[in-house]
């Protein structure tokens, strides 16, 4: 069972990972591939609300998605969006990316090759990946403005959808570690981080939620 302290610390990290950006219309939406089809659902909803005239879904497969999405994350995302009523011409697929950096680089190349001018990007990902995706995108595509968003969801609800609280806490911790160490490796821009967040992260590490650490 999870302790009250670990749950409280997980909530601190959950809140920090979300950017709380105000939604606004952008040149394009980019949905980052993963195990979570909710990214495609959110992209479809935002398209219908007029937040972007075009969606790029990006992602190959990984050990966690190979069985569930055998045709590739981006392909399955596109199929989901079409099922939800997004017209085919409004969805592009980038099927090669295997990490967040490749998601951004390959999507950028796809849009350049299509001759599309991009000044703003609606970046759609899992709730706990908003900040890291934003930091990666700003590092690799600095001339573009990014609005980072995800499926609106409480931590409790997300844990229920995954069905494994330990896995969720491990992911929260692993993502926070990358936010801390990736700027020095030149992979992301630095993000402000409070002592409260660092302390919550350290307590979760000490409690054993470490399977997603690099």
C-alpha atoms as a PDB file:
ATOM      1  CA  UNK A   1       0.000   0.000   0.000  1.00  0.00           C
ATOM      2  CA  UNK A   2       1.086   3.528  -0.676  1.00  0.00           C
ATOM      3  CA  UNK A   3       1.809   5.699   2.358  1.00  0.00           C
ATOM      4  CA  UNK A   4       0.085   9.040   2.930  1.00  0.00           C
ATOM      5  CA  UNK A   5       3.433  10.796   2.562  1.00  0.00           C
ATOM      6  CA  UNK A   6       4.216   9.124  -0.767  1.00  0.00           C
ATOM      7  CA  UNK A   7       0.761   9.947  -2.087  1.00  0.00           C
ATOM      8  CA  UNK A   8       1.161  13.586  -1.058  1.00  0.00           C
ATOM      9  CA  UNK A   9       4.601  13.686  -2.686  1.00  0.00           C
ATOM     10  CA  UNK A  10       3.189  12.153  -5.857  1.00  0.00           C
ATOM     11  CA  UNK A  11       0.577  14.906  -5.963  1.00  0.00           C
ATOM     12  CA  UNK A  12       3.319  17.534  -5.716  1.00  0.00           C
ATOM     13  CA  UNK A  13       5.126  16.008  -8.696  1.00  0.00           C
ATOM     14  CA  UNK A  14       1.896  15.573 -10.663  1.00  0.00           C
ATOM     15  CA  UNK A  15       1.069  19.271 -10.249  1.00  0.00           C
ATOM     16  CA  UNK A  16       4.596  20.309 -11.178  1.00  0.00           C
ATOM     17  CA  UNK A  17       4.730  18.213 -14.336  1.00  0.00           C
ATOM     18  CA  UNK A  18       1.702  20.020 -15.747  1.00  0.00           C
ATOM     19  CA  UNK A  19       2.415  23.429 -17.279  1.00  0.00           C
ATOM     20  CA  UNK A  20      -1.087  24.879 -16.869  1.00  0.00           C
ATOM     21  CA  UNK A  21      -0.732  26.787 -20.134  1.00  0.00           C
ATOM     22  CA  UNK A  22      -3.763  28.682 -21.372  1.00  0.00           C
ATOM     23  CA  UNK A  23      -5.054  27.065 -24.549  1.00  0.00           C
ATOM     24  CA  UNK A  24      -5.077  29.143 -27.717  1.00  0.00           C
ATOM     25  CA  UNK A  25      -5.232  28.421 -31.453  1.00  0.00           C
ATOM     26  CA  UNK A  26      -1.892  27.254 -32.878  1.00  0.00           C
ATOM     27  CA  UNK A  27      -0.430  26.547 -36.312  1.00  0.00           C
ATOM     28  CA  UNK A  28      -0.405  22.807 -35.695  1.00  0.00           C
ATOM     29  CA  UNK A  29      -0.956  20.241 -32.951  1.00  0.00           C
ATOM     30  CA  UNK A  30       1.668  17.565 -32.298  1.00  0.00           C
ATOM     31  CA  UNK A  31       0.572  14.491 -30.365  1.00  0.00           C
ATOM     32  CA  UNK A  32       3.455  12.566 -28.828  1.00  0.00           C
ATOM     33  CA  UNK A  33       3.146   8.796 -29.088  1.00  0.00           C
ATOM     34  CA  UNK A  34       2.954   6.524 -26.051  1.00  0.00           C
ATOM     35  CA  UNK A  35       0.791   3.784 -24.565  1.00  0.00           C
ATOM     36  CA  UNK A  36      -1.910   6.360 -23.811  1.00  0.00           C
ATOM     37  CA  UNK A  37      -4.609   6.748 -26.482  1.00  0.00           C
ATOM     38  CA  UNK A  38      -5.928   9.647 -24.429  1.00  0.00           C
ATOM     39  CA  UNK A  39      -3.386  11.799 -26.289  1.00  0.00           C
ATOM     40  CA  UNK A  40      -5.265  11.111 -29.525  1.00  0.00           C
ATOM     41  CA  UNK A  41      -8.603  11.783 -27.818  1.00  0.00           C
ATOM     42  CA  UNK A  42      -7.370  15.147 -26.573  1.00  0.00           C
ATOM     43  CA  UNK A  43      -5.942  16.045 -29.981  1.00  0.00           C
ATOM     44  CA  UNK A  44      -9.278  15.247 -31.620  1.00  0.00           C
ATOM     45  CA  UNK A  45     -11.177  17.326 -29.079  1.00  0.00           C
ATOM     46  CA  UNK A  46      -8.869  20.299 -29.535  1.00  0.00           C
ATOM     47  CA  UNK A  47      -9.054  20.029 -33.324  1.00  0.00           C
ATOM     48  CA  UNK A  48     -12.852  20.149 -33.140  1.00  0.00           C
ATOM     49  CA  UNK A  49     -12.595  23.214 -30.892  1.00  0.00           C
ATOM     50  CA  UNK A  50     -10.543  25.009 -33.538  1.00  0.00           C
ATOM     51  CA  UNK A  51      -7.273  24.969 -31.589  1.00  0.00           C
ATOM     52  CA  UNK A  52      -5.280  23.707 -34.613  1.00  0.00           C
ATOM     53  CA  UNK A  53      -6.101  23.071 -38.287  1.00  0.00           C
ATOM     54  CA  UNK A  54      -3.692  20.138 -38.532  1.00  0.00           C
ATOM     55  CA  UNK A  55      -2.528  17.320 -36.243  1.00  0.00           C
ATOM     56  CA  UNK A  56       0.788  15.485 -36.441  1.00  0.00           C
ATOM     57  CA  UNK A  57       0.934  12.208 -34.542  1.00  0.00           C
ATOM     58  CA  UNK A  58       4.472  11.028 -33.918  1.00  0.00           C
ATOM     59  CA  UNK A  59       5.791   7.731 -32.606  1.00  0.00           C
ATOM     60  CA  UNK A  60       7.031   4.280 -33.604  1.00  0.00           C
ATOM     61  CA  UNK A  61       6.715   1.444 -31.093  1.00  0.00           C
ATOM     62  CA  UNK A  62       8.388   0.647 -27.800  1.00  0.00           C
ATOM     63  CA  UNK A  63       8.500  -2.417 -25.544  1.00  0.00           C
ATOM     64  CA  UNK A  64       5.404  -1.085 -23.749  1.00  0.00           C
ATOM     65  CA  UNK A  65       3.384  -0.418 -26.922  1.00  0.00           C
ATOM     66  CA  UNK A  66       4.500  -3.085 -29.375  1.00  0.00           C
ATOM     67  CA  UNK A  67       1.704  -5.521 -28.561  1.00  0.00           C
ATOM     68  CA  UNK A  68      -1.015  -2.930 -28.041  1.00  0.00           C
ATOM     69  CA  UNK A  69      -0.074  -0.800 -31.051  1.00  0.00           C
ATOM     70  CA  UNK A  70       1.637  -3.149 -33.522  1.00  0.00           C
ATOM     71  CA  UNK A  71       1.293  -0.726 -36.449  1.00  0.00           C
ATOM     72  CA  UNK A  72       3.027   2.025 -34.491  1.00  0.00           C
ATOM     73  CA  UNK A  73       1.834   4.594 -31.988  1.00  0.00           C
ATOM     74  CA  UNK A  74       1.304   7.376 -34.522  1.00  0.00           C
ATOM     75  CA  UNK A  75      -0.699   5.117 -36.833  1.00  0.00           C
ATOM     76  CA  UNK A  76      -2.960   3.944 -34.022  1.00  0.00           C
ATOM     77  CA  UNK A  77      -3.381   7.538 -32.831  1.00  0.00           C
ATOM     78  CA  UNK A  78      -4.439   8.578 -36.321  1.00  0.00           C
ATOM     79  CA  UNK A  79      -6.968   5.753 -36.522  1.00  0.00           C
ATOM     80  CA  UNK A  80      -8.379   6.822 -33.172  1.00  0.00           C
ATOM     81  CA  UNK A  81      -8.684  10.457 -34.270  1.00  0.00           C
ATOM     82  CA  UNK A  82     -10.445   9.448 -37.501  1.00  0.00           C
ATOM     83  CA  UNK A  83     -12.862   7.301 -35.485  1.00  0.00           C
ATOM     84  CA  UNK A  84     -13.595  10.396 -33.413  1.00  0.00           C
ATOM     85  CA  UNK A  85     -14.482  12.428 -36.492  1.00  0.00           C
ATOM     86  CA  UNK A  86     -11.266  14.192 -37.469  1.00  0.00           C
ATOM     87  CA  UNK A  87     -10.996  14.263 -41.294  1.00  0.00           C
ATOM     88  CA  UNK A  88      -8.132  12.295 -42.805  1.00  0.00           C
ATOM     89  CA  UNK A  89      -6.434  15.230 -44.571  1.00  0.00           C
ATOM     90  CA  UNK A  90      -6.116  16.995 -41.198  1.00  0.00           C
ATOM     91  CA  UNK A  91      -3.848  14.280 -39.739  1.00  0.00           C
ATOM     92  CA  UNK A  92      -0.220  13.608 -40.622  1.00  0.00           C
ATOM     93  CA  UNK A  93       1.755  10.634 -39.323  1.00  0.00           C
ATOM     94  CA  UNK A  94       5.408  10.611 -38.302  1.00  0.00           C
ATOM     95  CA  UNK A  95       6.122   6.888 -37.688  1.00  0.00           C
ATOM     96  CA  UNK A  96       9.830   6.738 -36.791  1.00  0.00           C
ATOM     97  CA  UNK A  97      10.353   8.567 -33.489  1.00  0.00           C
ATOM     98  CA  UNK A  98      11.371   6.488 -30.466  1.00  0.00           C
ATOM     99  CA  UNK A  99      11.930   9.232 -27.889  1.00  0.00           C
ATOM    100  CA  UNK A 100      10.773  12.771 -27.179  1.00  0.00           C
ATOM    101  CA  UNK A 101      13.695  14.405 -28.945  1.00  0.00           C
ATOM    102  CA  UNK A 102      12.966  12.424 -32.100  1.00  0.00           C
ATOM    103  CA  UNK A 103       9.264  13.253 -31.760  1.00  0.00           C
ATOM    104  CA  UNK A 104      10.124  16.926 -32.063  1.00  0.00           C
ATOM    105  CA  UNK A 105      12.895  16.691 -34.667  1.00  0.00           C
ATOM    106  CA  UNK A 106      11.064  14.331 -36.991  1.00  0.00           C
ATOM    107  CA  UNK A 107       7.770  16.220 -36.702  1.00  0.00           C
ATOM    108  CA  UNK A 108       9.550  19.453 -37.502  1.00  0.00           C
ATOM    109  CA  UNK A 109      11.164  17.888 -40.578  1.00  0.00           C
ATOM    110  CA  UNK A 110       7.812  16.513 -41.729  1.00  0.00           C
ATOM    111  CA  UNK A 111       6.199  19.924 -41.499  1.00  0.00           C
ATOM    112  CA  UNK A 112       9.100  21.598 -43.300  1.00  0.00           C
ATOM    113  CA  UNK A 113       8.927  19.024 -46.091  1.00  0.00           C
ATOM    114  CA  UNK A 114       5.186  19.676 -46.403  1.00  0.00           C
ATOM    115  CA  UNK A 115       5.938  23.375 -46.874  1.00  0.00           C
ATOM    116  CA  UNK A 116       3.910  24.399 -43.838  1.00  0.00           C
ATOM    117  CA  UNK A 117       4.765  27.551 -41.899  1.00  0.00           C
ATOM    118  CA  UNK A 118       4.726  26.957 -38.166  1.00  0.00           C
ATOM    119  CA  UNK A 119       4.923  29.699 -35.555  1.00  0.00           C
ATOM    120  CA  UNK A 120       3.014  28.046 -32.707  1.00  0.00           C
ATOM    121  CA  UNK A 121       2.608  24.395 -31.707  1.00  0.00           C
ATOM    122  CA  UNK A 122       0.008  22.807 -29.483  1.00  0.00           C
ATOM    123  CA  UNK A 123       2.071  20.076 -27.813  1.00  0.00           C
ATOM    124  CA  UNK A 124      -0.111  17.212 -26.580  1.00  0.00           C
ATOM    125  CA  UNK A 125       1.217  14.492 -24.312  1.00  0.00           C
ATOM    126  CA  UNK A 126       0.479  12.511 -21.161  1.00  0.00           C
ATOM    127  CA  UNK A 127      -0.344  14.615 -18.083  1.00  0.00           C
ATOM    128  CA  UNK A 128       2.942  13.878 -16.328  1.00  0.00           C
ATOM    129  CA  UNK A 129       5.018  14.588 -19.452  1.00  0.00           C
ATOM    130  CA  UNK A 130       3.830  18.126 -20.193  1.00  0.00           C
ATOM    131  CA  UNK A 131       6.822  19.933 -18.703  1.00  0.00           C
ATOM    132  CA  UNK A 132       9.536  17.597 -19.977  1.00  0.00           C
ATOM    133  CA  UNK A 133       8.055  17.600 -23.483  1.00  0.00           C
ATOM    134  CA  UNK A 134       7.898  21.392 -23.396  1.00  0.00           C
ATOM    135  CA  UNK A 135      11.513  21.667 -22.211  1.00  0.00           C
ATOM    136  CA  UNK A 136      12.630  19.300 -24.972  1.00  0.00           C
ATOM    137  CA  UNK A 137      10.673  21.117 -27.671  1.00  0.00           C
ATOM    138  CA  UNK A 138      11.994  24.529 -26.648  1.00  0.00           C
ATOM    139  CA  UNK A 139      15.559  23.204 -26.818  1.00  0.00           C
ATOM    140  CA  UNK A 140      15.186  21.663 -30.271  1.00  0.00           C
ATOM    141  CA  UNK A 141      12.843  24.188 -31.911  1.00  0.00           C
ATOM    142  CA  UNK A 142      13.489  27.485 -30.096  1.00  0.00           C
ATOM    143  CA  UNK A 143      11.975  29.786 -32.704  1.00  0.00           C
ATOM    144  CA  UNK A 144       8.504  28.308 -32.214  1.00  0.00           C
ATOM    145  CA  UNK A 145       6.113  29.036 -29.341  1.00  0.00           C
ATOM    146  CA  UNK A 146       4.740  25.946 -27.601  1.00  0.00           C
ATOM    147  CA  UNK A 147       1.519  25.497 -25.694  1.00  0.00           C
ATOM    148  CA  UNK A 148       1.801  22.301 -23.671  1.00  0.00           C
ATOM    149  CA  UNK A 149      -1.342  20.388 -22.759  1.00  0.00           C
ATOM    150  CA  UNK A 150      -2.772  16.952 -21.983  1.00  0.00           C
ATOM    151  CA  UNK A 151      -5.983  15.201 -21.046  1.00  0.00           C
ATOM    152  CA  UNK A 152      -7.486  17.083 -18.073  1.00  0.00           C
ATOM    153  CA  UNK A 153      -7.270  14.514 -15.327  1.00  0.00           C
ATOM    154  CA  UNK A 154      -6.673  14.210 -11.595  1.00  0.00           C
ATOM    155  CA  UNK A 155      -3.893  11.995 -10.282  1.00  0.00           C
ATOM    156  CA  UNK A 156      -6.374   9.606  -8.695  1.00  0.00           C
ATOM    157  CA  UNK A 157      -8.188   9.165 -11.995  1.00  0.00           C
ATOM    158  CA  UNK A 158      -4.958   8.568 -13.888  1.00  0.00           C
ATOM    159  CA  UNK A 159      -3.867   5.916 -11.403  1.00  0.00           C
ATOM    160  CA  UNK A 160      -7.240   4.218 -11.880  1.00  0.00           C
ATOM    161  CA  UNK A 161      -6.847   4.232 -15.673  1.00  0.00           C
ATOM    162  CA  UNK A 162      -3.361   2.705 -15.460  1.00  0.00           C
ATOM    163  CA  UNK A 163      -4.387   0.269 -12.735  1.00  0.00           C
ATOM    164  CA  UNK A 164      -0.996   0.319 -11.025  1.00  0.00           C
ATOM    165  CA  UNK A 165      -0.174   3.098  -8.554  1.00  0.00           C
ATOM    166  CA  UNK A 166       3.460   2.009  -8.220  1.00  0.00           C
ATOM    167  CA  UNK A 167       4.045   2.290 -11.945  1.00  0.00           C
ATOM    168  CA  UNK A 168       2.517   5.772 -12.000  1.00  0.00           C
ATOM    169  CA  UNK A 169       4.688   6.953  -9.110  1.00  0.00           C
ATOM    170  CA  UNK A 170       7.744   5.439 -10.772  1.00  0.00           C
ATOM    171  CA  UNK A 171       6.923   7.395 -13.941  1.00  0.00           C
ATOM    172  CA  UNK A 172       6.432  10.639 -12.015  1.00  0.00           C
ATOM    173  CA  UNK A 173       9.834  10.176 -10.396  1.00  0.00           C
ATOM    174  CA  UNK A 174      11.596   9.172 -13.612  1.00  0.00           C
ATOM    175  CA  UNK A 175      10.244  12.170 -15.481  1.00  0.00           C
ATOM    176  CA  UNK A 176      11.326  14.519 -12.701  1.00  0.00           C
ATOM    177  CA  UNK A 177      14.836  13.073 -12.765  1.00  0.00           C
ATOM    178  CA  UNK A 178      15.090  13.825 -16.473  1.00  0.00           C
ATOM    179  CA  UNK A 179      13.948  17.400 -15.921  1.00  0.00           C
ATOM    180  CA  UNK A 180      16.763  17.729 -13.387  1.00  0.00           C
ATOM    181  CA  UNK A 181      19.595  16.137 -15.374  1.00  0.00           C
ATOM    182  CA  UNK A 182      18.803  16.623 -19.057  1.00  0.00           C
ATOM    183  CA  UNK A 183      19.663  20.354 -19.306  1.00  0.00           C
ATOM    184  CA  UNK A 184      23.310  19.592 -18.475  1.00  0.00           C
ATOM    185  CA  UNK A 185      23.306  16.991 -21.245  1.00  0.00           C
ATOM    186  CA  UNK A 186      22.010  19.526 -23.755  1.00  0.00           C
ATOM    187  CA  UNK A 187      18.717  17.676 -24.237  1.00  0.00           C
ATOM    188  CA  UNK A 188      16.278  20.192 -22.726  1.00  0.00           C
ATOM    189  CA  UNK A 189      16.100  23.747 -21.496  1.00  0.00           C
ATOM    190  CA  UNK A 190      16.269  24.194 -17.735  1.00  0.00           C
ATOM    191  CA  UNK A 191      13.019  24.468 -15.816  1.00  0.00           C
ATOM    192  CA  UNK A 192      12.390  26.282 -12.536  1.00  0.00           C
ATOM    193  CA  UNK A 193      11.953  23.820  -9.709  1.00  0.00           C
ATOM    194  CA  UNK A 194      11.136  24.489  -6.075  1.00  0.00           C
ATOM    195  CA  UNK A 195      12.609  22.925  -2.963  1.00  0.00           C
ATOM    196  CA  UNK A 196       9.187  21.417  -2.289  1.00  0.00           C
ATOM    197  CA  UNK A 197       9.289  19.503  -5.567  1.00  0.00           C
ATOM    198  CA  UNK A 198      12.892  18.354  -5.070  1.00  0.00           C
ATOM    199  CA  UNK A 199      12.129  17.184  -1.535  1.00  0.00           C
ATOM    200  CA  UNK A 200       9.057  15.250  -2.709  1.00  0.00           C
ATOM    201  CA  UNK A 201      11.157  13.629  -5.433  1.00  0.00           C
ATOM    202  CA  UNK A 202      13.899  12.644  -2.990  1.00  0.00           C
ATOM    203  CA  UNK A 203      11.404  11.123  -0.554  1.00  0.00           C
ATOM    204  CA  UNK A 204       9.800   9.077  -3.328  1.00  0.00           C
ATOM    205  CA  UNK A 205      13.220   7.845  -4.426  1.00  0.00           C
ATOM    206  CA  UNK A 206      14.018   6.847  -0.828  1.00  0.00           C
ATOM    207  CA  UNK A 207      10.644   5.041  -0.681  1.00  0.00           C
ATOM    208  CA  UNK A 208      11.699   2.891  -3.629  1.00  0.00           C
ATOM    209  CA  UNK A 209       9.831   4.433  -6.575  1.00  0.00           C
ATOM    210  CA  UNK A 210      12.887   4.203  -8.795  1.00  0.00           C
ATOM    211  CA  UNK A 211      12.238   1.762 -11.643  1.00  0.00           C
ATOM    212  CA  UNK A 212      12.071   4.561 -14.241  1.00  0.00           C
ATOM    213  CA  UNK A 213      15.301   6.282 -13.229  1.00  0.00           C
ATOM    214  CA  UNK A 214      18.054   6.366 -15.826  1.00  0.00           C
END
